[in-house]
C-alpha atoms as a PDB file:
ATOM      1  CA  MET A   1       0.602  -1.920  19.719  1.00  0.00           C
ATOM      2  CA  THR A   2      -2.137   0.254  21.015  1.00  0.00           C
ATOM      3  CA  ALA A   3      -4.929  -1.209  18.853  1.00  0.00           C
ATOM      4  CA  PRO A   4      -5.665  -4.457  16.977  1.00  0.00           C
ATOM      5  CA  GLN A   5      -3.559  -4.890  13.895  1.00  0.00           C
ATOM      6  CA  GLU A   6      -5.029  -5.008  10.473  1.00  0.00           C
ATOM      7  CA  VAL A   7      -3.717  -5.803   6.897  1.00  0.00           C
ATOM      8  CA  ARG A   8      -5.309  -4.333   3.853  1.00  0.00           C
ATOM      9  CA  ARG A   9      -4.318  -5.160   0.247  1.00  0.00           C
ATOM     10  CA  THR A  10      -5.145  -3.403  -2.933  1.00  0.00           C
ATOM     11  CA  SER A  11      -3.934  -4.924  -6.159  1.00  0.00           C
ATOM     12  CA  ALA A  12      -5.053  -5.465  -9.721  1.00  0.00           C
ATOM     13  CA  GLY A  13      -6.301  -8.975 -10.635  1.00  0.00           C
ATOM     14  CA  ARG A  14      -6.026 -12.021  -8.432  1.00  0.00           C
ATOM     15  CA  PRO A  15      -3.805 -12.034  -5.334  1.00  0.00           C
ATOM     16  CA  SER A  16      -0.453 -13.574  -6.046  1.00  0.00           C
ATOM     17  CA  ARG A  17       1.281 -16.174  -3.966  1.00  0.00           C
ATOM     18  CA  GLY A  18       3.701 -13.464  -2.888  1.00  0.00           C
ATOM     19  CA  ASP A  19       1.009 -11.204  -1.400  1.00  0.00           C
ATOM     20  CA  GLY A  20       0.622 -13.296   1.731  1.00  0.00           C
ATOM     21  CA  GLU A  21       4.445 -13.427   2.269  1.00  0.00           C
ATOM     22  CA  ARG A  22       4.720  -9.683   1.886  1.00  0.00           C
ATOM     23  CA  ALA A  23       1.845  -9.150   4.317  1.00  0.00           C
ATOM     24  CA  ARG A  24       3.602 -11.432   6.830  1.00  0.00           C
ATOM     25  CA  LEU A  25       6.859  -9.441   6.539  1.00  0.00           C
ATOM     26  CA  LEU A  26       4.990  -6.189   7.175  1.00  0.00           C
ATOM     27  CA  ALA A  27       3.280  -7.727  10.182  1.00  0.00           C
ATOM     28  CA  ASP A  28       6.639  -8.881  11.574  1.00  0.00           C
ATOM     29  CA  ALA A  29       8.038  -5.421  11.138  1.00  0.00           C
ATOM     30  CA  ALA A  30       5.009  -3.738  12.786  1.00  0.00           C
ATOM     31  CA  ARG A  31       5.428  -5.824  15.892  1.00  0.00           C
ATOM     32  CA  THR A  32       8.760  -4.188  16.673  1.00  0.00           C
ATOM     33  CA  ILE A  33       7.387  -0.598  16.613  1.00  0.00           C
ATOM     34  CA  ASP A  34       5.462   0.949  19.424  1.00  0.00           C
ATOM     35  CA  ALA A  35       3.433   3.957  18.283  1.00  0.00           C
ATOM     36  CA  PRO A  36      -0.137   5.260  18.595  1.00  0.00           C
ATOM     37  CA  ASP A  37      -0.509   4.872  14.803  1.00  0.00           C
ATOM     38  CA  LEU A  38       1.625   2.987  12.341  1.00  0.00           C
ATOM     39  CA  VAL A  39       1.205   2.509   8.538  1.00  0.00           C
ATOM     40  CA  ILE A  40       3.556   0.546   6.364  1.00  0.00           C
ATOM     41  CA  ALA A  41       2.664   0.843   2.649  1.00  0.00           C
ATOM     42  CA  LEU A  42       4.351  -1.447   0.141  1.00  0.00           C
ATOM     43  CA  SER A  43       4.271  -1.491  -3.621  1.00  0.00           C
ATOM     44  CA  HIS A  44       5.865  -4.400  -5.511  1.00  0.00           C
ATOM     45  CA  ARG A  45       5.715  -4.160  -9.298  1.00  0.00           C
ATOM     46  CA  GLY A  46       2.589  -2.083  -9.079  1.00  0.00           C
ATOM     47  CA  ARG A  47       0.814  -4.300  -6.425  1.00  0.00           C
ATOM     48  CA  ARG A  48       0.126  -2.517  -3.128  1.00  0.00           C
ATOM     49  CA  THR A  49      -0.039  -3.947   0.347  1.00  0.00           C
ATOM     50  CA  TYR A  50      -0.813  -1.934   3.478  1.00  0.00           C
ATOM     51  CA  ARG A  51      -0.238  -2.638   7.147  1.00  0.00           C
ATOM     52  CA  ILE A  52      -2.270  -0.414   9.378  1.00  0.00           C
ATOM     53  CA  ASP A  53      -2.074  -0.458  13.236  1.00  0.00           C
ATOM     54  CA  GLY A  54      -3.613   1.927  15.747  1.00  0.00           C
ATOM     55  CA  ALA A  55      -6.515   4.352  15.528  1.00  0.00           C
ATOM     56  CA  VAL A  56      -6.268   4.919  11.773  1.00  0.00           C
ATOM     57  CA  GLN A  57      -8.930   2.894   9.911  1.00  0.00           C
ATOM     58  CA  PRO A  58      -8.473   1.397   6.406  1.00  0.00           C
ATOM     59  CA  GLY A  59     -10.788   3.978   4.796  1.00  0.00           C
ATOM     60  CA  ASP A  60      -8.930   6.901   6.344  1.00  0.00           C
ATOM     61  CA  ALA A  61      -6.215   8.847   4.483  1.00  0.00           C
ATOM     62  CA  PRO A  62      -4.732  11.298   6.953  1.00  0.00           C
ATOM     63  CA  ARG A  63      -1.726  13.300   5.914  1.00  0.00           C
ATOM     64  CA  TYR A  64       1.474  12.642   7.810  1.00  0.00           C
ATOM     65  CA  GLU A  65       4.323  15.087   8.403  1.00  0.00           C
ATOM     66  CA  LEU A  66       7.304  14.000   6.243  1.00  0.00           C
ATOM     67  CA  GLY A  67       9.910  16.181   7.962  1.00  0.00           C
ATOM     68  CA  SER A  68      13.210  15.669   6.164  1.00  0.00           C
ATOM     69  CA  ALA A  69      11.647  13.136   3.873  1.00  0.00           C
ATOM     70  CA  SER A  70      10.300  16.220   2.162  1.00  0.00           C
ATOM     71  CA  LYS A  71      13.675  16.778   0.550  1.00  0.00           C
ATOM     72  CA  PRO A  72      13.195  14.320  -2.332  1.00  0.00           C
ATOM     73  CA  PHE A  73      10.255  16.459  -3.403  1.00  0.00           C
ATOM     74  CA  THR A  74      12.412  19.612  -3.383  1.00  0.00           C
ATOM     75  CA  GLY A  75      15.215  17.755  -5.218  1.00  0.00           C
ATOM     76  CA  LEU A  76      12.829  16.563  -7.872  1.00  0.00           C
ATOM     77  CA  LEU A  77      11.544  20.062  -8.340  1.00  0.00           C
ATOM     78  CA  LEU A  78      15.135  21.211  -8.933  1.00  0.00           C
ATOM     79  CA  ALA A  79      15.691  18.371 -11.392  1.00  0.00           C
ATOM     80  CA  ALA A  80      12.449  19.217 -13.227  1.00  0.00           C
ATOM     81  CA  LEU A  81      13.400  22.895 -13.571  1.00  0.00           C
ATOM     82  CA  VAL A  82      16.880  21.947 -14.917  1.00  0.00           C
ATOM     83  CA  ALA A  83      15.440  19.377 -17.325  1.00  0.00           C
ATOM     84  CA  ALA A  84      13.048  22.034 -18.687  1.00  0.00           C
ATOM     85  CA  GLY A  85      16.039  24.397 -19.330  1.00  0.00           C
ATOM     86  CA  ARG A  86      14.869  26.995 -16.758  1.00  0.00           C
ATOM     87  CA  LEU A  87      17.923  26.616 -14.448  1.00  0.00           C
ATOM     88  CA  ARG A  88      21.283  24.887 -14.316  1.00  0.00           C
ATOM     89  CA  TYR A  89      22.705  22.901 -11.418  1.00  0.00           C
ATOM     90  CA  GLU A  90      25.899  25.054 -11.644  1.00  0.00           C
ATOM     91  CA  ASP A  91      24.012  28.317 -11.173  1.00  0.00           C
ATOM     92  CA  SER A  92      25.186  30.400  -8.231  1.00  0.00           C
ATOM     93  CA  ALA A  93      22.469  30.465  -5.601  1.00  0.00           C
ATOM     94  CA  ALA A  94      23.457  33.896  -4.325  1.00  0.00           C
ATOM     95  CA  GLU A  95      23.301  35.407  -7.844  1.00  0.00           C
ATOM     96  CA  LEU A  96      19.797  34.019  -8.308  1.00  0.00           C
ATOM     97  CA  LEU A  97      18.537  34.834  -4.857  1.00  0.00           C
ATOM     98  CA  ALA A  98      19.977  38.427  -4.471  1.00  0.00           C
ATOM     99  CA  PRO A  99      21.648  39.618  -7.686  1.00  0.00           C
ATOM    100  CA  GLY A 100      24.313  42.103  -7.089  1.00  0.00           C
ATOM    101  CA  HIS A 101      24.324  41.641  -3.294  1.00  0.00           C
ATOM    102  CA  ARG A 102      27.835  41.545  -1.727  1.00  0.00           C
ATOM    103  CA  VAL A 103      28.509  38.180  -0.240  1.00  0.00           C
ATOM    104  CA  HIS A 104      31.579  36.180   0.826  1.00  0.00           C
ATOM    105  CA  PRO A 105      33.302  34.553  -2.194  1.00  0.00           C
ATOM    106  CA  SER A 106      32.616  31.103  -0.760  1.00  0.00           C
ATOM    107  CA  VAL A 107      28.915  31.877  -0.651  1.00  0.00           C
ATOM    108  CA  ARG A 108      28.997  33.100  -4.224  1.00  0.00           C
ATOM    109  CA  ALA A 109      30.566  29.778  -5.178  1.00  0.00           C
ATOM    110  CA  ILE A 110      27.648  27.753  -3.738  1.00  0.00           C
ATOM    111  CA  THR A 111      25.590  26.292  -6.560  1.00  0.00           C
ATOM    112  CA  LEU A 112      22.119  24.808  -6.688  1.00  0.00           C
ATOM    113  CA  ARG A 113      23.670  21.282  -6.742  1.00  0.00           C
ATOM    114  CA  HIS A 114      25.749  22.010  -3.685  1.00  0.00           C
ATOM    115  CA  LEU A 115      22.632  23.091  -1.714  1.00  0.00           C
ATOM    116  CA  MET A 116      20.648  19.964  -2.637  1.00  0.00           C
ATOM    117  CA  THR A 117      23.466  17.482  -2.166  1.00  0.00           C
ATOM    118  CA  HIS A 118      24.581  18.821   1.271  1.00  0.00           C
ATOM    119  CA  THR A 119      28.007  19.853  -0.072  1.00  0.00           C
ATOM    120  CA  SER A 120      27.577  23.667   0.318  1.00  0.00           C
ATOM    121  CA  GLY A 121      29.659  23.963   3.470  1.00  0.00           C
ATOM    122  CA  LEU A 122      26.684  25.493   5.327  1.00  0.00           C
ATOM    123  CA  PRO A 123      25.897  24.187   8.817  1.00  0.00           C
ATOM    124  CA  ALA A 124      22.766  22.136   9.661  1.00  0.00           C
ATOM    125  CA  LEU A 125      20.993  25.331  10.785  1.00  0.00           C
ATOM    126  CA  PRO A 126      22.001  28.964  10.999  1.00  0.00           C
ATOM    127  CA  ALA A 127      23.975  29.896  14.183  1.00  0.00           C
ATOM    128  CA  ASP A 128      21.336  32.351  15.343  1.00  0.00           C
ATOM    129  CA  PHE A 129      18.576  29.772  15.006  1.00  0.00           C
ATOM    130  CA  TYR A 130      19.217  28.010  18.299  1.00  0.00           C
ATOM    131  CA  PRO A 131      18.839  30.893  20.851  1.00  0.00           C
ATOM    132  CA  GLN A 132      15.354  31.789  19.555  1.00  0.00           C
ATOM    133  CA  ALA A 133      14.325  28.130  19.138  1.00  0.00           C
ATOM    134  CA  LEU A 134      15.288  26.748  22.552  1.00  0.00           C
ATOM    135  CA  PRO A 135      12.258  28.195  24.440  1.00  0.00           C
ATOM    136  CA  ARG A 136       9.970  26.445  21.975  1.00  0.00           C
ATOM    137  CA  TRP A 137      12.205  23.371  21.221  1.00  0.00           C
ATOM    138  CA  SER A 138       9.489  20.805  22.011  1.00  0.00           C
ATOM    139  CA  THR A 139       6.575  22.577  20.351  1.00  0.00           C
ATOM    140  CA  ALA A 140       7.451  25.022  17.580  1.00  0.00           C
ATOM    141  CA  PRO A 141      11.211  25.600  17.218  1.00  0.00           C
ATOM    142  CA  TYR A 142      11.038  26.877  13.542  1.00  0.00           C
ATOM    143  CA  SER A 143       7.937  29.018  13.798  1.00  0.00           C
ATOM    144  CA  ARG A 144       9.697  32.322  14.567  1.00  0.00           C
ATOM    145  CA  TYR A 145      12.402  31.962  12.013  1.00  0.00           C
ATOM    146  CA  PRO A 146      10.718  33.175   8.762  1.00  0.00           C
ATOM    147  CA  ALA A 147      11.866  33.045   5.151  1.00  0.00           C
ATOM    148  CA  ASP A 148      13.525  36.453   5.003  1.00  0.00           C
ATOM    149  CA  ARG A 149      15.654  35.579   8.026  1.00  0.00           C
ATOM    150  CA  VAL A 150      16.784  32.308   6.334  1.00  0.00           C
ATOM    151  CA  VAL A 151      17.802  34.393   3.263  1.00  0.00           C
ATOM    152  CA  ARG A 152      19.668  36.963   5.331  1.00  0.00           C
ATOM    153  CA  ALA A 153      21.537  34.232   7.204  1.00  0.00           C
ATOM    154  CA  PHE A 154      22.653  32.669   3.937  1.00  0.00           C
ATOM    155  CA  LEU A 155      23.827  35.972   2.399  1.00  0.00           C
ATOM    156  CA  ARG A 156      26.015  36.745   5.403  1.00  0.00           C
ATOM    157  CA  ALA A 157      27.231  33.162   5.924  1.00  0.00           C
ATOM    158  CA  ARG A 158      30.820  31.955   5.960  1.00  0.00           C
ATOM    159  CA  PRO A 159      30.781  28.287   4.775  1.00  0.00           C
ATOM    160  CA  ARG A 160      32.812  25.968   7.016  1.00  0.00           C
ATOM    161  CA  HIS A 161      34.337  24.186   3.977  1.00  0.00           C
ATOM    162  CA  ARG A 162      34.959  25.058   0.366  1.00  0.00           C
ATOM    163  CA  PRO A 163      31.735  24.271  -1.489  1.00  0.00           C
ATOM    164  CA  GLY A 164      31.774  20.804  -3.109  1.00  0.00           C
ATOM    165  CA  THR A 165      34.564  19.352  -0.973  1.00  0.00           C
ATOM    166  CA  ARG A 166      32.719  17.831   2.010  1.00  0.00           C
ATOM    167  CA  TRP A 167      29.289  16.306   2.767  1.00  0.00           C
ATOM    168  CA  HIS A 168      27.435  17.727   5.729  1.00  0.00           C
ATOM    169  CA  TYR A 169      23.664  17.334   6.144  1.00  0.00           C
ATOM    170  CA  SER A 170      22.036  20.696   6.134  1.00  0.00           C
ATOM    171  CA  ASN A 171      18.355  21.735   6.593  1.00  0.00           C
ATOM    172  CA  PHE A 172      19.625  25.290   6.179  1.00  0.00           C
ATOM    173  CA  ALA A 173      21.030  24.624   2.656  1.00  0.00           C
ATOM    174  CA  VAL A 174      17.904  22.893   1.353  1.00  0.00           C
ATOM    175  CA  SER A 175      15.747  25.651   2.698  1.00  0.00           C
ATOM    176  CA  VAL A 176      17.921  28.231   0.979  1.00  0.00           C
ATOM    177  CA  LEU A 177      17.472  26.176  -2.252  1.00  0.00           C
ATOM    178  CA  GLY A 178      13.688  26.483  -1.896  1.00  0.00           C
ATOM    179  CA  HIS A 179      13.892  30.264  -1.574  1.00  0.00           C
ATOM    180  CA  THR A 180      16.359  30.438  -4.507  1.00  0.00           C
ATOM    181  CA  LEU A 181      14.085  28.437  -6.841  1.00  0.00           C
ATOM    182  CA  ALA A 182      11.185  30.726  -5.919  1.00  0.00           C
ATOM    183  CA  ALA A 183      13.281  33.894  -6.630  1.00  0.00           C
ATOM    184  CA  ALA A 184      14.653  32.493  -9.884  1.00  0.00           C
ATOM    185  CA  THR A 185      11.238  31.604 -11.269  1.00  0.00           C
ATOM    186  CA  GLY A 186       9.261  34.465  -9.693  1.00  0.00           C
ATOM    187  CA  THR A 187       6.873  31.845  -8.197  1.00  0.00           C
ATOM    188  CA  PRO A 188       6.263  31.141  -4.539  1.00  0.00           C
ATOM    189  CA  TRP A 189       7.851  27.833  -3.511  1.00  0.00           C
ATOM    190  CA  GLU A 190       4.570  26.208  -2.599  1.00  0.00           C
ATOM    191  CA  THR A 191       2.991  27.097  -5.913  1.00  0.00           C
ATOM    192  CA  LEU A 192       6.117  25.990  -7.772  1.00  0.00           C
ATOM    193  CA  LEU A 193       6.166  22.631  -6.079  1.00  0.00           C
ATOM    194  CA  GLN A 194       2.426  22.137  -6.702  1.00  0.00           C
ATOM    195  CA  GLN A 195       2.685  23.051 -10.419  1.00  0.00           C
ATOM    196  CA  GLU A 196       5.928  21.204 -11.247  1.00  0.00           C
ATOM    197  CA  VAL A 197       5.800  18.125  -9.042  1.00  0.00           C
ATOM    198  CA  LEU A 198       2.569  17.435  -7.127  1.00  0.00           C
ATOM    199  CA  ASP A 199       0.150  18.091 -10.040  1.00  0.00           C
ATOM    200  CA  PRO A 200       2.097  16.195 -12.742  1.00  0.00           C
ATOM    201  CA  LEU A 201       2.350  13.174 -10.404  1.00  0.00           C
ATOM    202  CA  GLY A 202      -1.283  13.287  -9.399  1.00  0.00           C
ATOM    203  CA  LEU A 203      -0.516  13.768  -5.764  1.00  0.00           C
ATOM    204  CA  HIS A 204      -3.843  15.334  -4.944  1.00  0.00           C
ATOM    205  CA  GLY A 205      -3.725  14.340  -1.263  1.00  0.00           C
ATOM    206  CA  THR A 206      -0.378  16.012  -0.624  1.00  0.00           C
ATOM    207  CA  ARG A 207      -0.263  19.469   0.986  1.00  0.00           C
ATOM    208  CA  LEU A 208       2.338  21.872   2.388  1.00  0.00           C
ATOM    209  CA  ARG A 209       0.350  23.280   5.274  1.00  0.00           C
ATOM    210  CA  PRO A 210      -1.838  21.706   7.985  1.00  0.00           C
ATOM    211  CA  SER A 211      -5.525  21.345   7.122  1.00  0.00           C
ATOM    212  CA  PRO A 212      -8.077  23.480   8.990  1.00  0.00           C
ATOM    213  CA  GLN A 213     -10.395  20.436   9.046  1.00  0.00           C
ATOM    214  CA  PRO A 214     -10.024  18.102  12.064  1.00  0.00           C
ATOM    215  CA  GLY A 215      -9.021  14.574  11.114  1.00  0.00           C
ATOM    216  CA  ASP A 216      -7.319  15.520   7.816  1.00  0.00           C
ATOM    217  CA  ASP A 217      -3.851  15.419   9.444  1.00  0.00           C
ATOM    218  CA  ALA A 218      -2.299  12.691  11.538  1.00  0.00           C
ATOM    219  CA  VAL A 219      -1.554  13.795  15.127  1.00  0.00           C
ATOM    220  CA  GLY A 220       1.937  13.409  16.432  1.00  0.00           C
ATOM    221  CA  HIS A 221       2.728  12.299  19.990  1.00  0.00           C
ATOM    222  CA  ARG A 222       5.434  12.795  22.560  1.00  0.00           C
ATOM    223  CA  ARG A 223       7.165   9.757  23.939  1.00  0.00           C
ATOM    224  CA  ASP A 224       4.697   9.744  26.862  1.00  0.00           C
ATOM    225  CA  GLY A 225       1.813   9.548  24.350  1.00  0.00           C
ATOM    226  CA  SER A 226       0.498  13.034  24.748  1.00  0.00           C
ATOM    227  CA  PRO A 227      -0.502  14.769  21.455  1.00  0.00           C
ATOM    228  CA  LEU A 228       1.479  17.548  19.792  1.00  0.00           C
ATOM    229  CA  PRO A 229       0.397  20.458  17.606  1.00  0.00           C
ATOM    230  CA  ALA A 230       1.022  20.407  13.846  1.00  0.00           C
ATOM    231  CA  LEU A 231       4.572  21.368  12.881  1.00  0.00           C
ATOM    232  CA  ASP A 232       5.215  24.936  11.731  1.00  0.00           C
ATOM    233  CA  THR A 233       8.347  24.965   9.598  1.00  0.00           C
ATOM    234  CA  GLY A 234       8.731  28.727   9.354  1.00  0.00           C
ATOM    235  CA  GLY A 235      11.251  29.661   6.706  1.00  0.00           C
ATOM    236  CA  PHE A 236      12.455  26.056   6.369  1.00  0.00           C
ATOM    237  CA  SER A 237       9.611  24.754   4.252  1.00  0.00           C
ATOM    238  CA  ALA A 238      11.696  23.285   1.495  1.00  0.00           C
ATOM    239  CA  ALA A 239      13.491  21.073   3.948  1.00  0.00           C
ATOM    240  CA  GLY A 240      10.523  19.648   5.803  1.00  0.00           C
ATOM    241  CA  ALA A 241       6.964  21.007   5.129  1.00  0.00           C
ATOM    242  CA  VAL A 242       5.395  18.332   2.982  1.00  0.00           C
ATOM    243  CA  ARG A 243       2.445  16.374   4.338  1.00  0.00           C
ATOM    244  CA  SER A 244       1.122  13.383   2.482  1.00  0.00           C
ATOM    245  CA  THR A 245      -1.028  10.267   2.573  1.00  0.00           C
ATOM    246  CA  PRO A 246       0.290   6.697   2.299  1.00  0.00           C
ATOM    247  CA  GLU A 247      -1.381   6.339  -1.050  1.00  0.00           C
ATOM    248  CA  ASP A 248       0.234   9.472  -2.497  1.00  0.00           C
ATOM    249  CA  LEU A 249       3.615   8.474  -1.071  1.00  0.00           C
ATOM    250  CA  LEU A 250       3.479   5.105  -2.886  1.00  0.00           C
ATOM    251  CA  THR A 251       2.535   6.980  -6.085  1.00  0.00           C
ATOM    252  CA  PHE A 252       5.516   9.275  -5.648  1.00  0.00           C
ATOM    253  CA  LEU A 253       7.868   6.315  -5.064  1.00  0.00           C
ATOM    254  CA  GLU A 254       6.455   4.236  -7.910  1.00  0.00           C
ATOM    255  CA  ALA A 255       7.211   7.160 -10.262  1.00  0.00           C
ATOM    256  CA  HIS A 256      10.896   6.516  -9.516  1.00  0.00           C
ATOM    257  CA  LEU A 257      10.720   2.837 -10.509  1.00  0.00           C
ATOM    258  CA  PRO A 258      11.342   2.158 -14.188  1.00  0.00           C
ATOM    259  CA  ALA A 259       9.095  -0.935 -14.093  1.00  0.00           C
ATOM    260  CA  THR A 260       6.004   1.078 -12.928  1.00  0.00           C
ATOM    261  CA  ALA A 261       6.635   4.650 -14.145  1.00  0.00           C
ATOM    262  CA  ALA A 262       4.856   5.924 -17.218  1.00  0.00           C
ATOM    263  CA  PRO A 263       7.387   6.069 -20.086  1.00  0.00           C
ATOM    264  CA  THR A 264       6.110   9.404 -21.402  1.00  0.00           C
ATOM    265  CA  HIS A 265       5.649  11.103 -18.062  1.00  0.00           C
ATOM    266  CA  PRO A 266       6.540  14.869 -18.074  1.00  0.00           C
ATOM    267  CA  LEU A 267       8.956  14.285 -15.228  1.00  0.00           C
ATOM    268  CA  THR A 268      10.684  11.233 -16.846  1.00  0.00           C
ATOM    269  CA  ALA A 269      14.042  12.927 -17.347  1.00  0.00           C
ATOM    270  CA  ALA A 270      14.034  14.431 -13.842  1.00  0.00           C
ATOM    271  CA  LEU A 271      13.004  11.092 -12.223  1.00  0.00           C
ATOM    272  CA  SER A 272      15.731   9.314 -14.022  1.00  0.00           C
ATOM    273  CA  TYR A 273      18.374  11.822 -12.981  1.00  0.00           C
ATOM    274  CA  VAL A 274      17.533  11.727  -9.287  1.00  0.00           C
ATOM    275  CA  ARG A 275      18.120   7.890  -9.143  1.00  0.00           C
ATOM    276  CA  HIS A 276      21.807   8.088 -10.248  1.00  0.00           C
ATOM    277  CA  PRO A 277      24.625   8.493  -7.719  1.00  0.00           C
ATOM    278  CA  LEU A 278      26.556  11.776  -7.654  1.00  0.00           C
ATOM    279  CA  LEU A 279      28.923  11.495  -4.748  1.00  0.00           C
ATOM    280  CA  ARG A 280      30.308   9.047  -2.184  1.00  0.00           C
ATOM    281  CA  ARG A 281      29.882   9.539   1.532  1.00  0.00           C
ATOM    282  CA  GLY A 282      29.933   7.694   4.907  1.00  0.00           C
ATOM    283  CA  LEU A 283      32.540   5.482   6.502  1.00  0.00           C
ATOM    284  CA  ARG A 284      35.217   4.665   3.978  1.00  0.00           C
ATOM    285  CA  HIS A 285      32.909   6.223   1.352  1.00  0.00           C
ATOM    286  CA  ALA A 286      30.955   2.954   1.232  1.00  0.00           C
ATOM    287  CA  HIS A 287      27.637   4.712   0.474  1.00  0.00           C
ATOM    288  CA  THR A 288      26.623   7.053  -2.281  1.00  0.00           C
ATOM    289  CA  HIS A 289      24.166   9.930  -2.556  1.00  0.00           C
ATOM    290  CA  THR A 290      22.023  11.006  -5.470  1.00  0.00           C
ATOM    291  CA  LEU A 291      20.660  14.495  -5.924  1.00  0.00           C
ATOM    292  CA  THR A 292      17.824  13.613  -3.524  1.00  0.00           C
ATOM    293  CA  TRP A 293      18.339  10.158  -2.046  1.00  0.00           C
ATOM    294  CA  PHE A 294      20.724   8.189   0.168  1.00  0.00           C
ATOM    295  CA  ARG A 295      21.824   5.139  -1.931  1.00  0.00           C
ATOM    296  CA  HIS A 296      23.104   2.001  -0.276  1.00  0.00           C
ATOM    297  CA  PRO A 297      24.164  -1.254  -1.872  1.00  0.00           C
ATOM    298  CA  SER A 298      22.271  -4.472  -1.233  1.00  0.00           C
ATOM    299  CA  ALA A 299      22.356  -8.078  -2.464  1.00  0.00           C
ATOM    300  CA  ARG A 300      19.602  -7.294  -5.022  1.00  0.00           C
ATOM    301  CA  GLY A 301      20.777  -3.976  -6.285  1.00  0.00           C
ATOM    302  CA  PRO A 302      20.964  -0.393  -4.897  1.00  0.00           C
ATOM    303  CA  VAL A 303      18.361   0.949  -2.418  1.00  0.00           C
ATOM    304  CA  CYS A 304      17.418   4.597  -2.447  1.00  0.00           C
ATOM    305  CA  PHE A 305      15.770   6.041   0.689  1.00  0.00           C
ATOM    306  CA  HIS A 306      15.257   9.077   2.896  1.00  0.00           C
ATOM    307  CA  ALA A 307      13.970   9.260   6.420  1.00  0.00           C
ATOM    308  CA  GLY A 308      12.318  12.119   8.278  1.00  0.00           C
ATOM    309  CA  ALA A 309      11.182  13.058  11.732  1.00  0.00           C
ATOM    310  CA  THR A 310       9.185  15.925  13.204  1.00  0.00           C
ATOM    311  CA  LEU A 311       8.341  16.635  16.830  1.00  0.00           C
ATOM    312  CA  GLY A 312       5.925  13.776  17.037  1.00  0.00           C
ATOM    313  CA  GLN A 313       6.049  11.754  13.799  1.00  0.00           C
ATOM    314  CA  GLN A 314       8.469   9.668  11.833  1.00  0.00           C
ATOM    315  CA  MET A 315       8.694   8.812   8.144  1.00  0.00           C
ATOM    316  CA  PHE A 316      10.634   6.479   5.914  1.00  0.00           C
ATOM    317  CA  LEU A 317      10.550   6.503   2.064  1.00  0.00           C
ATOM    318  CA  GLY A 318      12.535   4.078   0.024  1.00  0.00           C
ATOM    319  CA  PHE A 319      12.644   2.141  -3.232  1.00  0.00           C
ATOM    320  CA  ARG A 320      14.665  -0.568  -5.090  1.00  0.00           C
ATOM    321  CA  PRO A 321      14.758   0.088  -8.839  1.00  0.00           C
ATOM    322  CA  ASP A 322      16.038  -3.437  -9.629  1.00  0.00           C
ATOM    323  CA  THR A 323      13.117  -5.218  -7.943  1.00  0.00           C
ATOM    324  CA  GLY A 324      10.379  -2.685  -8.556  1.00  0.00           C
ATOM    325  CA  THR A 325       9.748  -2.398  -4.835  1.00  0.00           C
ATOM    326  CA  ALA A 326       8.845   0.738  -2.772  1.00  0.00           C
ATOM    327  CA  VAL A 327       8.032   1.289   0.868  1.00  0.00           C
ATOM    328  CA  ALA A 328       6.469   4.266   2.634  1.00  0.00           C
ATOM    329  CA  ALA A 329       6.258   3.880   6.452  1.00  0.00           C
ATOM    330  CA  MET A 330       5.052   6.378   8.987  1.00  0.00           C
ATOM    331  CA  CYS A 331       4.304   6.399  12.688  1.00  0.00           C
ATOM    332  CA  THR A 332       3.062   8.975  15.162  1.00  0.00           C
ATOM    333  CA  ARG A 333       5.477   8.959  18.021  1.00  0.00           C
ATOM    334  CA  ARG A 334       8.509  11.151  18.614  1.00  0.00           C
ATOM    335  CA  VAL A 335      11.852   9.710  17.626  1.00  0.00           C
ATOM    336  CA  HIS A 336      14.348   8.756  20.409  1.00  0.00           C
ATOM    337  CA  ARG A 337      17.803   7.298  20.480  1.00  0.00           C
ATOM    338  CA  THR A 338      16.755   3.610  20.826  1.00  0.00           C
ATOM    339  CA  ASP A 339      13.711   3.793  18.654  1.00  0.00           C
ATOM    340  CA  PRO A 340      13.658   0.916  16.194  1.00  0.00           C
ATOM    341  CA  PHE A 341      11.438   2.459  13.493  1.00  0.00           C
ATOM    342  CA  ILE A 342      14.043   3.537  10.957  1.00  0.00           C
ATOM    343  CA  ALA A 343      16.270   0.519  11.400  1.00  0.00           C
ATOM    344  CA  THR A 344      13.279  -1.884  11.088  1.00  0.00           C
ATOM    345  CA  ILE A 345      11.904  -0.373   7.891  1.00  0.00           C
ATOM    346  CA  HIS A 346      15.348  -0.005   6.428  1.00  0.00           C
ATOM    347  CA  GLU A 347      16.034  -3.659   7.014  1.00  0.00           C
ATOM    348  CA  LEU A 348      12.703  -4.586   5.675  1.00  0.00           C
ATOM    349  CA  LEU A 349      13.386  -2.865   2.359  1.00  0.00           C
ATOM    350  CA  THR A 350      17.043  -3.862   2.007  1.00  0.00           C
ATOM    351  CA  GLU A 351      17.102  -7.471   3.246  1.00  0.00           C
ATOM    352  CA  LYS A 352      13.635  -8.908   3.356  1.00  0.00           C
ATOM    353  CA  LEU A 353      11.443  -7.662   0.497  1.00  0.00           C
END
């Protein structure tokens, strides 16, 4: 690593005999990951352990770019609105987004559930996204594709498959969902997420835009170590704009754990719903998918997780309901094909903790 390694623990009461073992496992995982900054944050039945390597100091709490790991926040927002009776999962996105607008029948058949579960038939990104993004691919590919253009691309789309029949990961679809929820409630997406998810969970260190204050946000790096500007998500905010601290991310994950979540929390119904599998996917349909999480089997019960990557940062969020364990890991180096970050943290959560 680029700086001396450090372990920090925060927990209520006396340290348990398991604290040292968990710290050792985090240290072992950290040794496999080369990045300017690395944080692995662990919660086990409410006890928190942190592994911090690099320039970040224990008292710091910079916000990291979640990238696609923002999607569980958008999915929880949808679940909260449905639980409150404000929307239905079966509502047509096109009807909510542009009532009366003429669209292809397959587009009209796309529901809010289809958009969130990647079963809408929409591609990963709109076809006209790539020509304008290529000149800025390594710095700001999303910045010149604003919200209105995402909406227009959806309304003129021709889904590749009949909605609900196939799983295909789509940033486009989740971004459309964000704009649809905003249109249906008459509230900007950022305000809606703040009011319905971030504030109820007490995520006061989580933001949806870069801070103007230097040091508030973690700096991403290219593979050669040179720094990168903060990511501008353009009209794709619902798919990847969340920025959060390690502490907030553990709080978010702990809310999904029955052993640590408050029983009368205003989001209890939504948090319960997003844990349960909705569809099967992957090779021989061995894996399942909830409204918001990938869900894999393990020897000690199912594991729910979501990874994310931006131009210069990587993120992994995951939890095990049966063991009351959650992990949030983040590093500040661009992902590449042989990078061990995701595989290491996934193994840590599924097989070692």
